[in-house]
Amino acid sequence: NWVPLTADLASIVSSLGSVDGGTRTVLKVTGGIIPASAYYTPKCRFGTISVSAEHIPGGGVVCTSPAHAAATVNVGIDEESAVTFEYVANVIFDVDSIVPAGLP
């Protein structure tokens, strides 16, 4: 079950991650608190996928992005609040040359 926030979801750091998941993401709130009790475990929602979260000092949670197709999705701590997170395909760089070729 989602617990409504008594705060506004203010920011997300990092807002960009791999389609493979695994990006550690911090969601911060302002103007209130995220409920903390023995019967409530915070969760983050990436699009329609829920993952567990941990409280952090200063009003927020940290969670790890799950795998997802390349897209921009809403991320939230409850059903109503959201910020955006962009999933990007893994990029492989192919370096043909480096200019200058050497140091003087």
PDB file of N, CA and C in Angstrom:
ATOM      1  N   ASN A   1       0.822  -1.193   0.000  1.00  0.00           N
ATOM      2  CA  ASN A   1       0.000   0.000   0.000  1.00  0.00           C
ATOM      3  C   ASN A   1       0.861   1.250   0.000  1.00  0.00           C
ATOM      4  N   TRP A   2       0.419   2.236  -0.742  1.00  0.00           N
ATOM      5  CA  TRP A   2       1.109   3.522  -0.766  1.00  0.00           C
ATOM      6  C   TRP A   2       0.578   4.384   0.366  1.00  0.00           C
ATOM      7  N   VAL A   3       1.473   5.107   1.013  1.00  0.00           N
ATOM      8  CA  VAL A   3       1.086   6.036   2.069  1.00  0.00           C
ATOM      9  C   VAL A   3       1.221   7.439   1.510  1.00  0.00           C
ATOM     10  N   PRO A   4       0.163   8.262   1.536  1.00  0.00           N
ATOM     11  CA  PRO A   4       0.272   9.620   0.998  1.00  0.00           C
ATOM     12  C   PRO A   4       1.329  10.429   1.744  1.00  0.00           C
ATOM     13  N   LEU A   5       2.068  11.226   1.008  1.00  0.00           N
ATOM     14  CA  LEU A   5       3.081  12.088   1.610  1.00  0.00           C
ATOM     15  C   LEU A   5       2.435  13.308   2.233  1.00  0.00           C
ATOM     16  N   THR A   6       3.042  13.777   3.315  1.00  0.00           N
ATOM     17  CA  THR A   6       2.635  15.062   3.884  1.00  0.00           C
ATOM     18  C   THR A   6       3.622  16.124   3.429  1.00  0.00           C
ATOM     19  N   ALA A   7       4.356  15.829   2.374  1.00  0.00           N
ATOM     20  CA  ALA A   7       5.397  16.716   1.858  1.00  0.00           C
ATOM     21  C   ALA A   7       5.326  16.721   0.341  1.00  0.00           C
ATOM     22  N   ASP A   8       6.067  17.632  -0.265  1.00  0.00           N
ATOM     23  CA  ASP A   8       6.153  17.694  -1.720  1.00  0.00           C
ATOM     24  C   ASP A   8       7.442  17.031  -2.178  1.00  0.00           C
ATOM     25  N   LEU A   9       7.342  16.190  -3.192  1.00  0.00           N
ATOM     26  CA  LEU A   9       8.526  15.587  -3.783  1.00  0.00           C
ATOM     27  C   LEU A   9       9.255  16.679  -4.538  1.00  0.00           C
ATOM     28  N   ALA A  10      10.485  16.983  -4.123  1.00  0.00           N
ATOM     29  CA  ALA A  10      11.179  18.157  -4.638  1.00  0.00           C
ATOM     30  C   ALA A  10      12.204  17.849  -5.714  1.00  0.00           C
ATOM     31  N   SER A  11      12.936  16.742  -5.583  1.00  0.00           N
ATOM     32  CA  SER A  11      14.017  16.515  -6.535  1.00  0.00           C
ATOM     33  C   SER A  11      14.400  15.048  -6.605  1.00  0.00           C
ATOM     34  N   ILE A  12      15.135  14.743  -7.682  1.00  0.00           N
ATOM     35  CA  ILE A  12      15.686  13.411  -7.882  1.00  0.00           C
ATOM     36  C   ILE A  12      17.135  13.564  -8.313  1.00  0.00           C
ATOM     37  N   VAL A  13      18.007  12.767  -7.727  1.00  0.00           N
ATOM     38  CA  VAL A  13      19.426  12.728  -8.113  1.00  0.00           C
ATOM     39  C   VAL A  13      19.803  11.260  -8.099  1.00  0.00           C
ATOM     40  N   SER A  14      20.102  10.731  -9.073  1.00  0.00           N
ATOM     41  CA  SER A  14      20.308  10.899 -10.478  1.00  0.00           C
ATOM     42  C   SER A  14      18.999  10.769 -11.241  1.00  0.00           C
ATOM     43  N   SER A  15      18.840  11.516 -12.291  1.00  0.00           N
ATOM     44  CA  SER A  15      17.606  11.455 -13.068  1.00  0.00           C
ATOM     45  C   SER A  15      17.814  10.750 -14.405  1.00  0.00           C
ATOM     46  N   LEU A  16      18.949  10.064 -14.551  1.00  0.00           N
ATOM     47  CA  LEU A  16      19.303   9.382 -15.795  1.00  0.00           C
ATOM     48  C   LEU A  16      19.989   8.077 -15.430  1.00  0.00           C
ATOM     49  N   GLY A  17      19.605   6.982 -16.091  1.00  0.00           N
ATOM     50  CA  GLY A  17      20.236   5.705 -15.782  1.00  0.00           C
ATOM     51  C   GLY A  17      20.097   4.705 -16.907  1.00  0.00           C
ATOM     52  N   SER A  18      20.799   3.605 -16.754  1.00  0.00           N
ATOM     53  CA  SER A  18      20.850   2.544 -17.750  1.00  0.00           C
ATOM     54  C   SER A  18      19.556   1.748 -17.797  1.00  0.00           C
ATOM     55  N   VAL A  19      19.243   1.225 -18.983  1.00  0.00           N
ATOM     56  CA  VAL A  19      18.101   0.331 -19.139  1.00  0.00           C
ATOM     57  C   VAL A  19      18.293  -0.954 -18.332  1.00  0.00           C
ATOM     58  N   ASP A  20      19.527  -1.249 -17.952  1.00  0.00           N
ATOM     59  CA  ASP A  20      19.814  -2.436 -17.142  1.00  0.00           C
ATOM     60  C   ASP A  20      19.434  -2.248 -15.682  1.00  0.00           C
ATOM     61  N   GLY A  21      19.097  -1.005 -15.290  1.00  0.00           N
ATOM     62  CA  GLY A  21      18.786  -0.718 -13.895  1.00  0.00           C
ATOM     63  C   GLY A  21      20.065  -0.548 -13.089  1.00  0.00           C
ATOM     64  N   GLY A  22      19.917  -0.466 -11.777  1.00  0.00           N
ATOM     65  CA  GLY A  22      21.073  -0.369 -10.899  1.00  0.00           C
ATOM     66  C   GLY A  22      21.539   1.032 -10.576  1.00  0.00           C
ATOM     67  N   THR A  23      20.822   2.072 -11.035  1.00  0.00           N
ATOM     68  CA  THR A  23      21.207   3.449 -10.725  1.00  0.00           C
ATOM     69  C   THR A  23      20.686   3.816  -9.341  1.00  0.00           C
ATOM     70  N   ARG A  24      21.596   4.202  -8.457  1.00  0.00           N
ATOM     71  CA  ARG A  24      21.212   4.629  -7.103  1.00  0.00           C
ATOM     72  C   ARG A  24      20.602   6.021  -7.219  1.00  0.00           C
ATOM     73  N   THR A  25      19.385   6.163  -6.741  1.00  0.00           N
ATOM     74  CA  THR A  25      18.600   7.373  -6.925  1.00  0.00           C
ATOM     75  C   THR A  25      18.131   7.911  -5.578  1.00  0.00           C
ATOM     76  N   VAL A  26      18.289   9.221  -5.372  1.00  0.00           N
ATOM     77  CA  VAL A  26      17.841   9.862  -4.141  1.00  0.00           C
ATOM     78  C   VAL A  26      16.646  10.748  -4.467  1.00  0.00           C
ATOM     79  N   LEU A  27      15.543  10.536  -3.763  1.00  0.00           N
ATOM     80  CA  LEU A  27      14.355  11.378  -3.889  1.00  0.00           C
ATOM     81  C   LEU A  27      14.242  12.203  -2.620  1.00  0.00           C
ATOM     82  N   LYS A  28      14.230  13.531  -2.772  1.00  0.00           N
ATOM     83  CA  LYS A  28      14.158  14.445  -1.625  1.00  0.00           C
ATOM     84  C   LYS A  28      12.788  15.101  -1.578  1.00  0.00           C
ATOM     85  N   VAL A  29      12.327  15.380  -0.356  1.00  0.00           N
ATOM     86  CA  VAL A  29      11.048  16.056  -0.173  1.00  0.00           C
ATOM     87  C   VAL A  29      11.253  17.367   0.572  1.00  0.00           C
ATOM     88  N   THR A  30      10.271  18.262   0.427  1.00  0.00           N
ATOM     89  CA  THR A  30      10.270  19.519   1.178  1.00  0.00           C
ATOM     90  C   THR A  30       8.906  19.689   1.826  1.00  0.00           C
ATOM     91  N   GLY A  31       8.871  20.425   2.908  1.00  0.00           N
ATOM     92  CA  GLY A  31       7.604  20.779   3.533  1.00  0.00           C
ATOM     93  C   GLY A  31       6.936  19.688   4.339  1.00  0.00           C
ATOM     94  N   GLY A  32       7.653  18.657   4.722  1.00  0.00           N
ATOM     95  CA  GLY A  32       7.050  17.599   5.521  1.00  0.00           C
ATOM     96  C   GLY A  32       7.985  16.429   5.679  1.00  0.00           C
ATOM     97  N   ILE A  33       7.410  15.269   5.962  1.00  0.00           N
ATOM     98  CA  ILE A  33       8.223  14.083   6.200  1.00  0.00           C
ATOM     99  C   ILE A  33       7.701  12.900   5.408  1.00  0.00           C
ATOM    100  N   ILE A  34       8.548  11.887   5.295  1.00  0.00           N
ATOM    101  CA  ILE A  34       8.139  10.599   4.756  1.00  0.00           C
ATOM    102  C   ILE A  34       7.855   9.724   5.969  1.00  0.00           C
ATOM    103  N   PRO A  35       6.696   9.092   6.041  1.00  0.00           N
ATOM    104  CA  PRO A  35       6.372   8.296   7.221  1.00  0.00           C
ATOM    105  C   PRO A  35       7.445   7.255   7.521  1.00  0.00           C
ATOM    106  N   ALA A  36       7.790   7.114   8.789  1.00  0.00           N
ATOM    107  CA  ALA A  36       8.759   6.111   9.232  1.00  0.00           C
ATOM    108  C   ALA A  36       8.168   5.389  10.427  1.00  0.00           C
ATOM    109  N   SER A  37       7.918   4.111  10.253  1.00  0.00           N
ATOM    110  CA  SER A  37       7.391   3.331  11.366  1.00  0.00           C
ATOM    111  C   SER A  37       7.663   1.862  11.111  1.00  0.00           C
ATOM    112  N   ALA A  38       7.402   1.054  12.105  1.00  0.00           N
ATOM    113  CA  ALA A  38       7.651  -0.378  11.993  1.00  0.00           C
ATOM    114  C   ALA A  38       6.729  -1.046  10.974  1.00  0.00           C
ATOM    115  N   TYR A  39       5.559  -0.461  10.717  1.00  0.00           N
ATOM    116  CA  TYR A  39       4.609  -1.087   9.800  1.00  0.00           C
ATOM    117  C   TYR A  39       4.643  -0.502   8.385  1.00  0.00           C
ATOM    118  N   TYR A  40       5.511   0.450   8.137  1.00  0.00           N
ATOM    119  CA  TYR A  40       5.571   1.067   6.807  1.00  0.00           C
ATOM    120  C   TYR A  40       6.991   1.010   6.269  1.00  0.00           C
ATOM    121  N   THR A  41       7.157   0.393   5.129  1.00  0.00           N
ATOM    122  CA  THR A  41       8.447   0.363   4.445  1.00  0.00           C
ATOM    123  C   THR A  41       8.323   1.249   3.218  1.00  0.00           C
ATOM    124  N   PRO A  42       9.166   2.280   3.102  1.00  0.00           N
ATOM    125  CA  PRO A  42       9.043   3.166   1.943  1.00  0.00           C
ATOM    126  C   PRO A  42       9.366   2.434   0.645  1.00  0.00           C
ATOM    127  N   LYS A  43       8.742   2.888  -0.421  1.00  0.00           N
ATOM    128  CA  LYS A  43       8.983   2.335  -1.752  1.00  0.00           C
ATOM    129  C   LYS A  43       9.107   3.472  -2.743  1.00  0.00           C
ATOM    130  N   CYS A  44       9.818   3.198  -3.818  1.00  0.00           N
ATOM    131  CA  CYS A  44       9.880   4.113  -4.959  1.00  0.00           C
ATOM    132  C   CYS A  44       9.140   3.446  -6.105  1.00  0.00           C
ATOM    133  N   ARG A  45       8.493   4.244  -6.907  1.00  0.00           N
ATOM    134  CA  ARG A  45       7.774   3.763  -8.077  1.00  0.00           C
ATOM    135  C   ARG A  45       8.448   4.338  -9.316  1.00  0.00           C
ATOM    136  N   PHE A  46       8.966   3.458 -10.175  1.00  0.00           N
ATOM    137  CA  PHE A  46       9.556   3.853 -11.456  1.00  0.00           C
ATOM    138  C   PHE A  46       8.560   3.438 -12.528  1.00  0.00           C
ATOM    139  N   GLY A  47       7.780   4.390 -13.036  1.00  0.00           N
ATOM    140  CA  GLY A  47       6.695   4.029 -13.948  1.00  0.00           C
ATOM    141  C   GLY A  47       5.700   3.185 -13.173  1.00  0.00           C
ATOM    142  N   THR A  48       5.538   1.922 -13.565  1.00  0.00           N
ATOM    143  CA  THR A  48       4.618   1.014 -12.869  1.00  0.00           C
ATOM    144  C   THR A  48       5.344   0.002 -11.987  1.00  0.00           C
ATOM    145  N   ILE A  49       6.659   0.105 -11.899  1.00  0.00           N
ATOM    146  CA  ILE A  49       7.458  -0.856 -11.133  1.00  0.00           C
ATOM    147  C   ILE A  49       7.800  -0.281  -9.762  1.00  0.00           C
ATOM    148  N   SER A  50       7.481  -1.026  -8.711  1.00  0.00           N
ATOM    149  CA  SER A  50       7.796  -0.601  -7.345  1.00  0.00           C
ATOM    150  C   SER A  50       9.055  -1.300  -6.856  1.00  0.00           C
ATOM    151  N   VAL A  51       9.907  -0.545  -6.166  1.00  0.00           N
ATOM    152  CA  VAL A  51      11.123  -1.097  -5.567  1.00  0.00           C
ATOM    153  C   VAL A  51      11.227  -0.592  -4.135  1.00  0.00           C
ATOM    154  N   SER A  52      11.935  -1.332  -3.306  1.00  0.00           N
ATOM    155  CA  SER A  52      12.100  -0.910  -1.916  1.00  0.00           C
ATOM    156  C   SER A  52      12.997   0.319  -1.839  1.00  0.00           C
ATOM    157  N   ALA A  53      12.841   1.058  -0.757  1.00  0.00           N
ATOM    158  CA  ALA A  53      13.614   2.286  -0.544  1.00  0.00           C
ATOM    159  C   ALA A  53      14.062   2.334   0.910  1.00  0.00           C
ATOM    160  N   GLU A  54      15.046   3.176   1.180  1.00  0.00           N
ATOM    161  CA  GLU A  54      15.527   3.387   2.542  1.00  0.00           C
ATOM    162  C   GLU A  54      15.429   4.864   2.876  1.00  0.00           C
ATOM    163  N   HIS A  55      15.011   5.171   4.101  1.00  0.00           N
ATOM    164  CA  HIS A  55      14.991   6.566   4.555  1.00  0.00           C
ATOM    165  C   HIS A  55      16.408   7.119   4.607  1.00  0.00           C
ATOM    166  N   ILE A  56      16.555   8.401   4.303  1.00  0.00           N
ATOM    167  CA  ILE A  56      17.831   9.086   4.482  1.00  0.00           C
ATOM    168  C   ILE A  56      17.589  10.334   5.328  1.00  0.00           C
ATOM    169  N   PRO A  57      18.589  10.750   6.084  1.00  0.00           N
ATOM    170  CA  PRO A  57      18.437  11.967   6.888  1.00  0.00           C
ATOM    171  C   PRO A  57      18.138  13.176   6.002  1.00  0.00           C
ATOM    172  N   GLY A  58      17.347  14.086   6.499  1.00  0.00           N
ATOM    173  CA  GLY A  58      17.065  15.310   5.762  1.00  0.00           C
ATOM    174  C   GLY A  58      15.815  15.259   4.920  1.00  0.00           C
ATOM    175  N   GLY A  59      15.029  14.189   5.018  1.00  0.00           N
ATOM    176  CA  GLY A  59      13.767  14.146   4.290  1.00  0.00           C
ATOM    177  C   GLY A  59      13.867  13.577   2.905  1.00  0.00           C
ATOM    178  N   GLY A  60      14.033  12.295   2.803  1.00  0.00           N
ATOM    179  CA  GLY A  60      14.081  11.664   1.505  1.00  0.00           C
ATOM    180  C   GLY A  60      14.278  10.171   1.617  1.00  0.00           C
ATOM    181  N   VAL A  61      14.380   9.534   0.468  1.00  0.00           N
ATOM    182  CA  VAL A  61      14.658   8.104   0.400  1.00  0.00           C
ATOM    183  C   VAL A  61      15.686   7.860  -0.689  1.00  0.00           C
ATOM    184  N   VAL A  62      16.351   6.726  -0.583  1.00  0.00           N
ATOM    185  CA  VAL A  62      17.258   6.286  -1.635  1.00  0.00           C
ATOM    186  C   VAL A  62      16.744   4.940  -2.127  1.00  0.00           C
ATOM    187  N   CYS A  63      16.759   4.766  -3.449  1.00  0.00           N
ATOM    188  CA  CYS A  63      16.321   3.510  -4.041  1.00  0.00           C
ATOM    189  C   CYS A  63      17.164   3.247  -5.287  1.00  0.00           C
ATOM    190  N   THR A  64      17.074   2.037  -5.786  1.00  0.00           N
ATOM    191  CA  THR A  64      17.848   1.638  -6.956  1.00  0.00           C
ATOM    192  C   THR A  64      16.891   1.371  -8.106  1.00  0.00           C
ATOM    193  N   SER A  65      17.186   1.980  -9.266  1.00  0.00           N
ATOM    194  CA  SER A  65      16.283   1.833 -10.408  1.00  0.00           C
ATOM    195  C   SER A  65      16.257   0.383 -10.891  1.00  0.00           C
ATOM    196  N   PRO A  66      15.067  -0.118 -11.235  1.00  0.00           N
ATOM    197  CA  PRO A  66      14.960  -1.455 -11.817  1.00  0.00           C
ATOM    198  C   PRO A  66      15.235  -1.390 -13.322  1.00  0.00           C
ATOM    199  N   ALA A  67      15.437  -2.528 -13.944  1.00  0.00           N
ATOM    200  CA  ALA A  67      15.594  -2.571 -15.397  1.00  0.00           C
ATOM    201  C   ALA A  67      14.293  -2.101 -16.051  1.00  0.00           C
ATOM    202  N   HIS A  68      14.434  -1.425 -17.203  1.00  0.00           N
ATOM    203  CA  HIS A  68      13.264  -0.877 -17.899  1.00  0.00           C
ATOM    204  C   HIS A  68      13.695  -0.540 -19.321  1.00  0.00           C
ATOM    205  N   ALA A  69      12.781  -0.594 -20.261  1.00  0.00           N
ATOM    206  CA  ALA A  69      13.077  -0.189 -21.636  1.00  0.00           C
ATOM    207  C   ALA A  69      13.439   1.296 -21.675  1.00  0.00           C
ATOM    208  N   ALA A  70      14.174   1.708 -22.698  1.00  0.00           N
ATOM    209  CA  ALA A  70      14.555   3.116 -22.854  1.00  0.00           C
ATOM    210  C   ALA A  70      13.300   3.975 -22.938  1.00  0.00           C
ATOM    211  N   ALA A  71      13.183   4.919 -22.015  1.00  0.00           N
ATOM    212  CA  ALA A  71      12.007   5.797 -21.942  1.00  0.00           C
ATOM    213  C   ALA A  71      12.202   6.768 -20.793  1.00  0.00           C
ATOM    214  N   THR A  72      11.358   7.795 -20.760  1.00  0.00           N
ATOM    215  CA  THR A  72      11.287   8.677 -19.599  1.00  0.00           C
ATOM    216  C   THR A  72      10.067   8.249 -18.802  1.00  0.00           C
ATOM    217  N   VAL A  73      10.270   7.990 -17.497  1.00  0.00           N
ATOM    218  CA  VAL A  73       9.175   7.517 -16.648  1.00  0.00           C
ATOM    219  C   VAL A  73       9.008   8.439 -15.451  1.00  0.00           C
ATOM    220  N   ASN A  74       7.827   8.421 -14.870  1.00  0.00           N
ATOM    221  CA  ASN A  74       7.597   9.138 -13.618  1.00  0.00           C
ATOM    222  C   ASN A  74       8.115   8.295 -12.467  1.00  0.00           C
ATOM    223  N   VAL A  75       8.755   8.959 -11.512  1.00  0.00           N
ATOM    224  CA  VAL A  75       9.252   8.305 -10.308  1.00  0.00           C
ATOM    225  C   VAL A  75       8.601   8.986  -9.126  1.00  0.00           C
ATOM    226  N   GLY A  76       8.102   8.194  -8.190  1.00  0.00           N
ATOM    227  CA  GLY A  76       7.458   8.778  -7.030  1.00  0.00           C
ATOM    228  C   GLY A  76       7.634   7.937  -5.789  1.00  0.00           C
ATOM    229  N   ILE A  77       7.213   8.503  -4.674  1.00  0.00           N
ATOM    230  CA  ILE A  77       7.251   7.811  -3.394  1.00  0.00           C
ATOM    231  C   ILE A  77       5.833   7.420  -2.985  1.00  0.00           C
ATOM    232  N   ASP A  78       4.848   8.102  -3.496  1.00  0.00           N
ATOM    233  CA  ASP A  78       3.456   7.734  -3.274  1.00  0.00           C
ATOM    234  C   ASP A  78       2.746   7.729  -4.626  1.00  0.00           C
ATOM    235  N   GLU A  79       1.447   7.528  -4.629  1.00  0.00           N
ATOM    236  CA  GLU A  79       0.722   7.421  -5.894  1.00  0.00           C
ATOM    237  C   GLU A  79       0.554   8.745  -6.621  1.00  0.00           C
ATOM    238  N   GLU A  80       0.705   9.859  -5.926  1.00  0.00           N
ATOM    239  CA  GLU A  80       0.398  11.151  -6.521  1.00  0.00           C
ATOM    240  C   GLU A  80       1.617  11.968  -6.924  1.00  0.00           C
ATOM    241  N   SER A  81       2.695  11.891  -6.163  1.00  0.00           N
ATOM    242  CA  SER A  81       3.854  12.735  -6.455  1.00  0.00           C
ATOM    243  C   SER A  81       4.764  12.058  -7.477  1.00  0.00           C
ATOM    244  N   ALA A  82       5.430  12.864  -8.289  1.00  0.00           N
ATOM    245  CA  ALA A  82       6.322  12.283  -9.288  1.00  0.00           C
ATOM    246  C   ALA A  82       7.310  13.309  -9.821  1.00  0.00           C
ATOM    247  N   VAL A  83       8.484  12.813 -10.131  1.00  0.00           N
ATOM    248  CA  VAL A  83       9.499  13.532 -10.891  1.00  0.00           C
ATOM    249  C   VAL A  83       9.882  12.586 -12.020  1.00  0.00           C
ATOM    250  N   THR A  84      10.715  13.018 -12.959  1.00  0.00           N
ATOM    251  CA  THR A  84      11.015  12.145 -14.093  1.00  0.00           C
ATOM    252  C   THR A  84      12.414  11.554 -14.005  1.00  0.00           C
ATOM    253  N   PHE A  85      12.537  10.352 -14.579  1.00  0.00           N
ATOM    254  CA  PHE A  85      13.789   9.608 -14.667  1.00  0.00           C
ATOM    255  C   PHE A  85      13.882   9.098 -16.089  1.00  0.00           C
ATOM    256  N   GLU A  86      15.046   9.245 -16.712  1.00  0.00           N
ATOM    257  CA  GLU A  86      15.211   8.805 -18.096  1.00  0.00           C
ATOM    258  C   GLU A  86      16.080   7.563 -18.161  1.00  0.00           C
ATOM    259  N   TYR A  87      15.523   6.496 -18.737  1.00  0.00           N
ATOM    260  CA  TYR A  87      16.279   5.279 -19.003  1.00  0.00           C
ATOM    261  C   TYR A  87      16.921   5.406 -20.378  1.00  0.00           C
ATOM    262  N   VAL A  88      18.211   5.149 -20.460  1.00  0.00           N
ATOM    263  CA  VAL A  88      18.914   5.231 -21.736  1.00  0.00           C
ATOM    264  C   VAL A  88      19.583   3.893 -22.039  1.00  0.00           C
ATOM    265  N   ALA A  89      19.664   3.593 -23.340  1.00  0.00           N
ATOM    266  CA  ALA A  89      20.343   2.375 -23.774  1.00  0.00           C
ATOM    267  C   ALA A  89      21.823   2.485 -23.440  1.00  0.00           C
ATOM    268  N   ASN A  90      22.421   1.353 -23.169  1.00  0.00           N
ATOM    269  CA  ASN A  90      23.851   1.358 -22.882  1.00  0.00           C
ATOM    270  C   ASN A  90      24.613   1.808 -24.119  1.00  0.00           C
ATOM    271  N   VAL A  91      25.546   2.697 -23.917  1.00  0.00           N
ATOM    272  CA  VAL A  91      26.324   3.260 -25.016  1.00  0.00           C
ATOM    273  C   VAL A  91      27.721   2.653 -24.986  1.00  0.00           C
ATOM    274  N   ILE A  92      28.155   2.166 -26.130  1.00  0.00           N
ATOM    275  CA  ILE A  92      29.514   1.642 -26.257  1.00  0.00           C
ATOM    276  C   ILE A  92      30.266   2.581 -27.178  1.00  0.00           C
ATOM    277  N   PHE A  93      31.366   3.102 -26.685  1.00  0.00           N
ATOM    278  CA  PHE A  93      32.171   4.013 -27.483  1.00  0.00           C
ATOM    279  C   PHE A  93      33.214   3.224 -28.251  1.00  0.00           C
ATOM    280  N   ASP A  94      33.387   3.559 -29.522  1.00  0.00           N
ATOM    281  CA  ASP A  94      34.409   2.950 -30.367  1.00  0.00           C
ATOM    282  C   ASP A  94      35.359   4.063 -30.769  1.00  0.00           C
ATOM    283  N   VAL A  95      36.541   4.057 -30.195  1.00  0.00           N
ATOM    284  CA  VAL A  95      37.511   5.121 -30.444  1.00  0.00           C
ATOM    285  C   VAL A  95      38.444   4.688 -31.563  1.00  0.00           C
ATOM    286  N   ASP A  96      38.461   5.471 -32.667  1.00  0.00           N
ATOM    287  CA  ASP A  96      39.341   5.183 -33.796  1.00  0.00           C
ATOM    288  C   ASP A  96      40.678   5.886 -33.666  1.00  0.00           C
ATOM    289  N   SER A  97      40.669   7.071 -33.076  1.00  0.00           N
ATOM    290  CA  SER A  97      41.926   7.810 -32.944  1.00  0.00           C
ATOM    291  C   SER A  97      41.799   8.834 -31.835  1.00  0.00           C
ATOM    292  N   ILE A  98      42.951   9.282 -31.377  1.00  0.00           N
ATOM    293  CA  ILE A  98      43.017  10.339 -30.384  1.00  0.00           C
ATOM    294  C   ILE A  98      43.891  11.438 -30.957  1.00  0.00           C
ATOM    295  N   VAL A  99      43.388  12.668 -30.916  1.00  0.00           N
ATOM    296  CA  VAL A  99      44.130  13.796 -31.475  1.00  0.00           C
ATOM    297  C   VAL A  99      44.403  14.773 -30.350  1.00  0.00           C
ATOM    298  N   PRO A 100      45.607  15.204 -30.117  1.00  0.00           N
ATOM    299  CA  PRO A 100      46.833  14.794 -30.815  1.00  0.00           C
ATOM    300  C   PRO A 100      47.211  13.361 -30.451  1.00  0.00           C
ATOM    301  N   ALA A 101      47.980  12.737 -31.331  1.00  0.00           N
ATOM    302  CA  ALA A 101      48.356  11.338 -31.165  1.00  0.00           C
ATOM    303  C   ALA A 101      49.259  11.112 -29.961  1.00  0.00           C
ATOM    304  N   GLY A 102      49.958  12.124 -29.534  1.00  0.00           N
ATOM    305  CA  GLY A 102      50.846  11.987 -28.382  1.00  0.00           C
ATOM    306  C   GLY A 102      51.079  13.330 -27.739  1.00  0.00           C
ATOM    307  N   LEU A 103      51.715  13.301 -26.620  1.00  0.00           N
ATOM    308  CA  LEU A 103      52.048  14.542 -25.935  1.00  0.00           C
ATOM    309  C   LEU A 103      53.323  15.132 -26.516  1.00  0.00           C
ATOM    310  N   PRO A 104      53.429  16.459 -26.549  1.00  0.00           N
ATOM    311  CA  PRO A 104      54.647  17.082 -27.104  1.00  0.00           C
ATOM    312  C   PRO A 104      55.856  16.823 -26.229  1.00  0.00           C
TER     313      PRO A 104
END
